[in-house]
Amino acid sequence: MHDTAPPPPAVTSRRRPSTHTVAFAALALAAVVLFSVLVPVLIALYAQPPAFAFLFGALLCAAPVVAVRYPRWATAIFVGSAAALPLPALLTAGTVWPWPWSVPAMIVFILLVGVLAVLHGWRIAIVAWLLGIVVTLAVVIVLAPTVPVAAGIVNLVIVTSISGAALLVAVLLASRLRIGAELTRERELTALEQSRRVLIEERARIARELHDVVAHGMSLIQVQASTARYRVPGLSAETLHEFDEIAQTARTGLTEMRRLLGVLRTDDHEADLAPQQGVRDIGDLVEAMRRAGADIHAQLLTRSEDVPAAVDVTAFRIVQESLSNAARHAPQAPVTLVVERDGDALRLRIRNAASSSPTAAPTASRGHGLLGMRERAALVGGTVSAGPDSDGGWTVQAVLPLVPDGPDAPPVTGPDSRGAAA
């Protein structure tokens, strides 16, 4: 019989109490403290019977706690207790202490209207405040032959002023809290919608890349394999069979590609079937930026037919993002754009001069534009660098190889280390 080791003790994680729990506990503690002060004051200074003071003192101090869940019941309990507590003045033939509101009772009153305003709105808080003042005023009037009316009126004026100011502060605080909560909800919804939009746009971008580059290449393979028997005479039966197999494989791949595109594209995002823009469209992009007020000096390729499709799209997107960054972060600053072929690589250089605008210059760690350009360049085996110049300008340099990576491919050198990306 083998001994078994006891199981390890369970690790329990302590959960921090929520803000609502802490607030409710603080409210209950305040009610207990006020009760412990109010009852001795009523018995010692106002000569109230202990049982009477304990009963109505407990009801009065419990009202703010009850108001958290039951505002109407809390209002009724408080108003009834506030009307009952001054009544023993009939037996003592008046009092020299603040009457009909003692100081602890007034603090409970302020606490009640504050809880009602913050949790349940200003309407019920004002109703409770008016009922408390009106009912105690009625008590003063009823007890006028026994107690000095002037002292009671002065006490009511003080209580009304202080509690009214507290009510106003509570209403303003409640409005601020509600506005803050609404703004928080709006920010959450906006962030959720933004993340959803980014996801949809990224999926659509991937779908466009697959459609314009990969699917186009596979279509050419299928067409070339299918027409090989007509273009190349004297092919053997085995060779024709191989070409047919290649064409069939390409057709199957295109079918799977269409299915994948259907998964990537969503119902609420219109599929863009137009060809992707490339190096040949950079001139149109420059003209559009010039019409928008940009000062761009461009040196472009005269021929772009031999640029691979993936490099073609990548070059256009890097130039587009760089010019957009220059227009956004350095408005009115001159921009120099150079697109040239250097051996087996396509080189891009976009530089904007220092801007006189107070708009902050871009940094290498801000936003996703730089990351997106570097990822695009890496997909075709290229590199992108970015950073500020010594004169306050900003430079983007990219090197995109025009031949696929392989053992015979020439090495691609990155941009000058002095350059930087936008």
Protein backbone atom coordinates (compact mmCIF):
# COMPACT_ATOMS: atom_id res chain seq x y z
CA MET A 1 0.00 0.00 0.00
CA HIS A 2 1.52 3.27 -1.09
CA ASP A 3 1.27 6.46 0.90
CA THR A 4 -0.26 9.32 -0.97
CA ALA A 5 0.90 12.86 -0.40
CA PRO A 6 -1.74 15.22 0.88
CA PRO A 7 -3.07 17.63 -1.69
CA PRO A 8 -1.52 21.10 -1.62
CA PRO A 9 -3.55 23.68 0.22
CA ALA A 10 -5.90 25.63 -1.96
CA VAL A 11 -4.73 29.10 -2.78
CA THR A 12 -7.46 31.56 -2.01
CA SER A 13 -7.34 34.98 -3.55
CA ARG A 14 -8.62 37.86 -1.51
CA ARG A 15 -11.06 39.99 -3.36
CA ARG A 16 -11.03 43.65 -2.57
CA PRO A 17 -14.41 45.00 -1.51
CA SER A 18 -16.21 47.07 -4.10
CA THR A 19 -16.69 50.81 -3.83
CA HIS A 20 -20.41 50.37 -3.13
CA THR A 21 -19.67 48.01 -0.24
CA VAL A 22 -17.17 50.42 1.29
CA ALA A 23 -19.59 53.34 0.92
CA PHE A 24 -22.44 51.40 2.52
CA ALA A 25 -20.20 50.33 5.41
CA ALA A 26 -19.12 53.96 5.95
CA LEU A 27 -22.76 55.07 5.93
CA ALA A 28 -23.75 52.42 8.47
CA LEU A 29 -20.80 53.38 10.69
CA ALA A 30 -21.82 57.05 10.53
CA ALA A 31 -25.39 56.11 11.52
CA VAL A 32 -24.12 54.14 14.54
CA VAL A 33 -21.87 57.00 15.65
CA LEU A 34 -24.68 59.54 15.33
CA PHE A 35 -27.03 57.28 17.29
CA SER A 36 -24.46 56.90 20.08
CA VAL A 37 -24.26 60.71 20.32
CA LEU A 38 -27.94 61.58 19.74
CA VAL A 39 -29.48 59.38 22.43
CA PRO A 40 -27.33 60.65 25.34
CA VAL A 41 -27.95 64.23 24.18
CA LEU A 42 -31.72 63.67 24.15
CA ILE A 43 -31.71 62.08 27.59
CA ALA A 44 -29.23 64.37 29.35
CA LEU A 45 -29.94 67.77 27.75
CA TYR A 46 -33.53 67.47 26.58
CA ALA A 47 -34.79 65.37 29.52
CA GLN A 48 -36.46 62.84 27.24
CA PRO A 49 -37.53 59.42 28.61
CA PRO A 50 -34.81 56.86 27.78
CA ALA A 51 -37.18 54.44 26.02
CA PHE A 52 -38.61 57.27 23.92
CA ALA A 53 -35.14 58.60 23.05
CA PHE A 54 -33.81 55.14 22.15
CA LEU A 55 -36.79 54.27 19.95
CA PHE A 56 -37.08 57.44 17.91
CA GLY A 57 -33.32 58.07 17.95
CA ALA A 58 -32.76 54.64 16.42
CA LEU A 59 -35.46 55.25 13.78
CA LEU A 60 -34.03 58.67 12.94
CA CYS A 61 -30.44 57.39 12.56
CA ALA A 62 -31.52 54.29 10.64
CA ALA A 63 -33.31 56.36 7.98
CA PRO A 64 -30.14 57.18 5.88
CA VAL A 65 -29.21 53.47 5.81
CA VAL A 66 -32.74 52.43 4.84
CA ALA A 67 -32.72 55.14 2.13
CA VAL A 68 -30.13 53.18 0.15
CA ARG A 69 -32.79 50.63 -0.89
CA TYR A 70 -36.12 52.10 0.20
CA PRO A 71 -36.13 55.90 -0.20
CA ARG A 72 -39.86 56.39 0.46
CA TRP A 73 -39.89 54.31 3.62
CA ALA A 74 -36.77 56.08 4.80
CA THR A 75 -38.40 59.48 4.24
CA ALA A 76 -41.50 58.43 6.17
CA ILE A 77 -39.47 57.01 9.07
CA PHE A 78 -37.30 60.11 9.28
CA VAL A 79 -40.16 62.62 9.13
CA GLY A 80 -42.12 60.72 11.78
CA SER A 81 -39.12 60.56 14.10
CA ALA A 82 -38.23 64.23 13.48
CA ALA A 83 -41.81 65.17 14.47
CA ALA A 84 -41.82 62.96 17.58
CA LEU A 85 -38.45 63.89 19.10
CA PRO A 86 -39.33 67.57 19.90
CA LEU A 87 -42.62 66.61 21.65
CA PRO A 88 -41.18 65.94 25.16
CA ALA A 89 -40.54 69.69 25.38
CA LEU A 90 -44.16 69.85 26.54
CA LEU A 91 -43.14 68.06 29.75
CA THR A 92 -40.07 70.18 30.41
CA ALA A 93 -41.75 73.53 29.75
CA GLY A 94 -39.21 74.49 27.13
CA THR A 95 -35.50 73.99 26.75
CA VAL A 96 -32.42 76.16 26.54
CA TRP A 97 -30.83 73.87 23.96
CA PRO A 98 -31.29 74.07 20.16
CA TRP A 99 -34.88 73.09 19.48
CA PRO A 100 -36.73 71.50 17.62
CA TRP A 101 -33.53 70.26 15.88
CA SER A 102 -30.60 69.14 17.97
CA VAL A 103 -27.17 69.21 16.35
CA PRO A 104 -26.90 65.38 15.91
CA ALA A 105 -30.43 65.28 14.43
CA MET A 106 -29.50 68.02 11.96
CA ILE A 107 -26.42 66.02 10.88
CA VAL A 108 -28.64 62.96 10.32
CA PHE A 109 -30.97 65.16 8.26
CA ILE A 110 -28.07 66.34 6.07
CA LEU A 111 -26.88 62.74 5.66
CA LEU A 112 -30.36 61.60 4.60
CA VAL A 113 -30.89 64.24 1.90
CA GLY A 114 -27.37 63.60 0.64
CA VAL A 115 -27.99 59.86 0.25
CA LEU A 116 -31.33 60.46 -1.46
CA ALA A 117 -29.86 63.01 -3.90
CA VAL A 118 -26.85 60.87 -4.87
CA LEU A 119 -28.65 57.54 -5.18
CA HIS A 120 -32.23 58.41 -6.15
CA GLY A 121 -32.23 61.86 -7.71
CA TRP A 122 -32.91 65.41 -6.69
CA ARG A 123 -36.73 65.18 -6.70
CA ILE A 124 -37.16 62.77 -3.80
CA ALA A 125 -34.33 64.51 -1.93
CA ILE A 126 -36.13 67.85 -2.15
CA VAL A 127 -39.40 66.22 -1.07
CA ALA A 128 -37.73 64.72 2.02
CA TRP A 129 -36.04 68.05 2.80
CA LEU A 130 -39.29 70.03 2.54
CA LEU A 131 -41.25 67.47 4.60
CA GLY A 132 -38.63 67.55 7.37
CA ILE A 133 -38.70 71.36 7.57
CA VAL A 134 -42.49 71.71 7.26
CA VAL A 135 -43.29 69.00 9.83
CA THR A 136 -40.92 70.44 12.45
CA LEU A 137 -42.32 73.92 11.73
CA ALA A 138 -45.79 72.53 12.45
CA VAL A 139 -44.48 71.08 15.74
CA VAL A 140 -43.12 74.51 16.71
CA ILE A 141 -46.46 76.13 15.96
CA VAL A 142 -48.41 73.48 17.90
CA LEU A 143 -46.11 73.80 20.94
CA ALA A 144 -46.09 77.61 20.83
CA PRO A 145 -47.80 78.03 24.25
CA THR A 146 -45.14 75.85 25.90
CA VAL A 147 -41.85 76.77 24.18
CA PRO A 148 -40.56 80.07 22.81
CA VAL A 149 -41.60 80.32 19.18
CA ALA A 150 -38.80 82.74 18.33
CA ALA A 151 -36.12 80.26 19.43
CA GLY A 152 -37.75 77.52 17.37
CA ILE A 153 -37.97 79.74 14.27
CA VAL A 154 -34.30 80.73 14.59
CA ASN A 155 -33.35 77.06 14.91
CA LEU A 156 -35.41 76.20 11.83
CA VAL A 157 -33.81 78.99 9.81
CA ILE A 158 -30.35 77.69 10.68
CA VAL A 159 -31.28 74.07 9.92
CA THR A 160 -32.99 75.06 6.68
CA SER A 161 -29.97 77.05 5.49
CA ILE A 162 -27.38 74.44 6.35
CA SER A 163 -29.38 71.45 5.10
CA GLY A 164 -30.41 73.36 1.96
CA ALA A 165 -26.76 74.10 1.14
CA ALA A 166 -25.90 70.47 1.79
CA LEU A 167 -28.75 69.40 -0.49
CA LEU A 168 -27.49 71.67 -3.27
CA VAL A 169 -23.97 70.24 -2.95
CA ALA A 170 -25.37 66.69 -2.98
CA VAL A 171 -27.43 67.39 -6.11
CA LEU A 172 -24.39 68.83 -7.91
CA LEU A 173 -22.26 65.88 -6.80
CA ALA A 174 -24.93 63.42 -8.00
CA SER A 175 -25.07 65.15 -11.38
CA ARG A 176 -21.29 65.01 -11.65
CA LEU A 177 -21.24 61.31 -10.78
CA ARG A 178 -23.98 60.51 -13.29
CA ILE A 179 -22.24 62.47 -16.04
CA GLY A 180 -18.98 60.70 -15.23
CA ALA A 181 -20.69 57.30 -15.35
CA GLU A 182 -22.30 58.15 -18.70
CA LEU A 183 -18.98 59.32 -20.11
CA THR A 184 -17.33 56.12 -18.91
CA ARG A 185 -20.02 54.04 -20.62
CA GLU A 186 -19.65 56.09 -23.80
CA ARG A 187 -15.87 55.61 -23.75
CA GLU A 188 -16.30 51.87 -23.30
CA LEU A 189 -18.78 51.70 -26.17
CA THR A 190 -16.53 53.86 -28.34
CA ALA A 191 -13.49 51.70 -27.56
CA LEU A 192 -15.48 48.55 -28.29
CA GLU A 193 -16.75 49.95 -31.58
CA GLN A 194 -13.27 51.17 -32.48
CA SER A 195 -11.73 47.77 -31.83
CA ARG A 196 -14.48 46.16 -33.87
CA ARG A 197 -13.92 48.62 -36.71
CA VAL A 198 -10.16 48.03 -36.62
CA LEU A 199 -10.75 44.28 -36.74
CA ILE A 200 -13.12 44.61 -39.70
CA GLU A 201 -10.73 46.90 -41.55
CA GLU A 202 -7.79 44.58 -40.91
CA ARG A 203 -9.73 41.55 -42.11
CA ALA A 204 -10.84 43.46 -45.19
CA ARG A 205 -7.24 44.54 -45.83
CA ILE A 206 -6.06 40.95 -45.59
CA ALA A 207 -8.86 39.92 -47.95
CA ARG A 208 -7.83 42.59 -50.45
CA GLU A 209 -4.20 41.51 -50.26
CA LEU A 210 -5.18 37.89 -50.88
CA HIS A 211 -7.51 38.86 -53.72
CA ASP A 212 -5.14 41.21 -55.50
CA VAL A 213 -1.83 39.41 -55.02
CA VAL A 214 -2.19 35.74 -54.17
CA ALA A 215 -5.40 35.03 -56.07
CA HIS A 216 -4.11 36.94 -59.09
CA GLY A 217 -0.92 34.87 -59.13
CA MET A 218 -2.82 31.60 -58.81
CA SER A 219 -5.13 32.63 -61.65
CA LEU A 220 -2.12 33.19 -63.88
CA ILE A 221 -0.76 29.76 -62.96
CA GLN A 222 -4.07 28.15 -63.83
CA VAL A 223 -4.35 29.98 -67.15
CA GLN A 224 -0.75 29.24 -68.15
CA ALA A 225 -1.06 25.56 -67.22
CA SER A 226 -4.37 25.20 -69.08
CA THR A 227 -3.10 26.84 -72.27
CA ALA A 228 0.32 25.18 -72.32
CA ARG A 229 -0.82 22.49 -74.79
CA TYR A 230 -1.79 25.22 -77.28
CA ARG A 231 1.20 27.47 -76.78
CA VAL A 232 3.95 24.85 -76.68
CA PRO A 233 3.83 22.25 -79.49
CA GLY A 234 5.17 18.72 -79.20
CA LEU A 235 4.50 18.15 -75.49
CA SER A 236 4.36 14.52 -74.40
CA ALA A 237 1.28 12.98 -72.85
CA GLU A 238 2.97 12.84 -69.45
CA THR A 239 3.83 16.55 -69.64
CA LEU A 240 0.29 17.46 -70.67
CA HIS A 241 -1.03 15.41 -67.76
CA GLU A 242 1.29 17.31 -65.37
CA PHE A 243 0.05 20.65 -66.74
CA ASP A 244 -3.55 19.52 -66.28
CA GLU A 245 -2.77 18.54 -62.69
CA ILE A 246 -1.20 21.95 -62.07
CA ALA A 247 -4.26 23.70 -63.53
CA GLN A 248 -6.61 21.60 -61.40
CA THR A 249 -4.59 22.31 -58.26
CA ALA A 250 -4.68 26.03 -59.04
CA ARG A 251 -8.45 25.92 -59.55
CA THR A 252 -8.88 24.10 -56.23
CA GLY A 253 -6.68 26.66 -54.52
CA LEU A 254 -8.73 29.51 -56.00
CA THR A 255 -11.92 27.88 -54.71
CA GLU A 256 -10.45 27.64 -51.22
CA MET A 257 -9.23 31.22 -51.53
CA ARG A 258 -12.76 32.43 -52.33
CA ARG A 259 -14.08 30.55 -49.30
CA LEU A 260 -11.41 32.18 -47.12
CA LEU A 261 -12.27 35.62 -48.49
CA GLY A 262 -15.91 35.00 -47.58
CA VAL A 263 -14.85 34.26 -44.00
CA LEU A 264 -12.65 37.33 -43.75
CA ARG A 265 -15.22 39.72 -45.16
CA THR A 266 -18.26 40.47 -43.03
CA ASP A 267 -21.79 41.28 -44.07
CA ASP A 268 -21.52 44.91 -42.98
CA HIS A 269 -18.30 45.56 -44.89
CA GLU A 270 -18.55 45.91 -48.62
CA ALA A 271 -15.94 43.88 -50.45
CA ASP A 272 -13.55 46.02 -52.43
CA LEU A 273 -12.81 44.17 -55.67
CA ALA A 274 -10.96 47.04 -57.32
CA PRO A 275 -7.24 46.45 -57.95
CA GLN A 276 -4.90 47.64 -55.23
CA GLN A 277 -3.04 50.86 -55.86
CA GLY A 278 0.66 50.61 -56.59
CA VAL A 279 3.75 52.54 -57.65
CA ARG A 280 2.01 53.74 -60.80
CA ASP A 281 -0.60 55.49 -58.62
CA ILE A 282 1.88 57.42 -56.43
CA GLY A 283 1.77 60.33 -58.88
CA ASP A 284 -2.01 60.60 -58.46
CA LEU A 285 -1.56 60.45 -54.69
CA VAL A 286 0.98 63.28 -54.82
CA GLU A 287 -1.32 65.41 -56.95
CA ALA A 288 -4.20 64.83 -54.52
CA MET A 289 -1.99 65.88 -51.59
CA ARG A 290 -0.89 68.97 -53.50
CA ARG A 291 -4.51 69.93 -54.16
CA ALA A 292 -5.05 69.64 -50.41
CA GLY A 293 -2.29 72.23 -49.85
CA ALA A 294 0.82 70.06 -49.34
CA ASP A 295 4.16 71.24 -50.77
CA ILE A 296 5.63 68.04 -52.25
CA HIS A 297 8.68 67.70 -54.50
CA ALA A 298 8.50 64.23 -56.07
CA GLN A 299 10.98 62.16 -58.06
CA LEU A 300 9.13 59.05 -59.26
CA LEU A 301 9.81 55.99 -61.39
CA THR A 302 9.04 56.36 -65.06
CA ARG A 303 8.22 52.65 -65.43
CA SER A 304 6.70 50.30 -62.87
CA GLU A 305 5.64 47.31 -64.98
CA ASP A 306 8.42 45.05 -63.65
CA VAL A 307 7.65 45.70 -59.96
CA PRO A 308 6.17 42.58 -58.28
CA ALA A 309 2.57 42.91 -57.18
CA ALA A 310 3.26 42.59 -53.45
CA VAL A 311 6.10 45.13 -53.59
CA ASP A 312 3.91 47.39 -55.74
CA VAL A 313 1.17 47.53 -53.09
CA THR A 314 3.65 47.82 -50.21
CA ALA A 315 5.49 50.75 -51.78
CA PHE A 316 2.26 52.66 -52.35
CA ARG A 317 1.05 52.06 -48.78
CA ILE A 318 4.36 53.18 -47.26
CA VAL A 319 4.35 56.37 -49.33
CA GLN A 320 0.70 56.98 -48.52
CA GLU A 321 1.22 56.55 -44.75
CA SER A 322 4.37 58.69 -44.77
CA LEU A 323 2.73 61.56 -46.66
CA SER A 324 -0.29 61.38 -44.36
CA ASN A 325 1.97 61.55 -41.32
CA ALA A 326 3.85 64.51 -42.80
CA ALA A 327 0.60 66.37 -43.51
CA ARG A 328 -0.73 65.61 -40.02
CA HIS A 329 2.37 66.28 -37.92
CA ALA A 330 4.16 68.89 -40.06
CA PRO A 331 1.49 70.87 -41.90
CA GLN A 332 2.76 73.35 -44.52
CA ALA A 333 6.30 71.92 -44.27
CA PRO A 334 7.95 71.03 -47.62
CA VAL A 335 8.08 67.30 -48.35
CA THR A 336 10.59 65.54 -50.58
CA LEU A 337 9.59 62.18 -52.09
CA VAL A 338 12.02 59.94 -53.98
CA VAL A 339 11.02 56.60 -55.51
CA GLU A 340 13.87 54.95 -57.37
CA ARG A 341 15.12 51.58 -58.42
CA ASP A 342 18.58 50.62 -57.17
CA GLY A 343 19.67 47.32 -58.65
CA ASP A 344 17.28 44.63 -57.43
CA ALA A 345 15.61 46.82 -54.83
CA LEU A 346 13.06 49.61 -54.81
CA ARG A 347 14.09 52.50 -52.59
CA LEU A 348 11.70 55.00 -51.05
CA ARG A 349 12.63 58.19 -49.24
CA ILE A 350 10.09 60.61 -47.78
CA ARG A 351 11.38 63.59 -45.84
CA ASN A 352 9.53 66.56 -44.43
CA ALA A 353 11.24 69.69 -43.16
CA ALA A 354 10.76 71.02 -39.66
CA SER A 355 7.28 72.40 -39.06
CA SER A 356 6.52 75.83 -37.67
CA SER A 357 3.16 74.51 -36.42
CA PRO A 358 2.76 73.77 -32.67
CA THR A 359 1.50 70.29 -33.59
CA ALA A 360 3.67 67.68 -31.89
CA ALA A 361 6.04 65.81 -34.11
CA PRO A 362 5.56 62.07 -34.41
CA THR A 363 7.62 59.72 -32.31
CA ALA A 364 8.77 56.25 -33.05
CA SER A 365 6.60 54.82 -30.28
CA ARG A 366 3.35 56.60 -31.07
CA GLY A 367 0.54 55.05 -33.11
CA HIS A 368 0.51 52.04 -35.41
CA GLY A 369 1.59 53.63 -38.70
CA LEU A 370 5.27 52.82 -38.27
CA LEU A 371 4.52 49.30 -37.12
CA GLY A 372 2.21 48.74 -40.08
CA MET A 373 4.83 49.98 -42.57
CA ARG A 374 7.52 47.78 -41.06
CA GLU A 375 5.24 44.76 -41.11
CA ARG A 376 4.35 45.37 -44.76
CA ALA A 377 7.99 45.76 -45.70
CA ALA A 378 8.99 42.64 -43.75
CA LEU A 379 6.39 40.58 -45.65
CA VAL A 380 8.25 41.25 -48.91
CA GLY A 381 11.72 40.96 -47.33
CA GLY A 382 12.31 44.70 -47.04
CA THR A 383 13.13 47.14 -44.28
CA VAL A 384 11.83 50.50 -43.07
CA SER A 385 13.55 53.01 -40.80
CA ALA A 386 12.23 56.25 -39.36
CA GLY A 387 13.29 59.09 -37.11
CA PRO A 388 14.00 62.80 -36.71
CA ASP A 389 16.72 64.67 -38.58
CA SER A 390 19.26 67.01 -37.03
CA ASP A 391 17.40 70.06 -38.38
CA GLY A 392 14.09 69.07 -36.84
CA GLY A 393 12.66 67.33 -39.90
CA TRP A 394 11.54 63.74 -40.23
CA THR A 395 12.65 61.06 -42.69
CA VAL A 396 11.24 57.72 -43.78
CA GLN A 397 13.41 55.33 -45.78
CA ALA A 398 12.38 51.94 -47.12
CA VAL A 399 14.18 49.29 -49.17
CA LEU A 400 11.96 46.70 -50.88
CA PRO A 401 13.61 43.84 -52.81
CA LEU A 402 12.30 43.23 -56.32
CA VAL A 403 13.28 39.54 -56.35
CA PRO A 404 11.97 36.79 -54.03
CA ASP A 405 14.09 35.76 -51.09
CA GLY A 406 16.11 32.66 -51.87
CA PRO A 407 19.62 31.25 -51.99
CA ASP A 408 20.39 33.09 -55.23
CA ALA A 409 18.77 36.35 -54.23
CA PRO A 410 21.16 39.26 -53.72
CA PRO A 411 21.33 40.67 -50.21
CA VAL A 412 19.16 43.67 -49.45
CA THR A 413 20.84 46.42 -47.54
CA GLY A 414 18.75 48.49 -45.18
CA PRO A 415 18.42 52.22 -45.31
CA ASP A 416 21.09 54.51 -44.09
CA SER A 417 21.30 54.41 -40.33
CA ARG A 418 21.08 58.17 -40.31
CA GLY A 419 17.57 58.01 -41.80
CA ALA A 420 14.38 57.48 -39.89
CA ALA A 421 10.74 56.61 -40.45
CA ALA A 422 7.62 58.59 -40.12
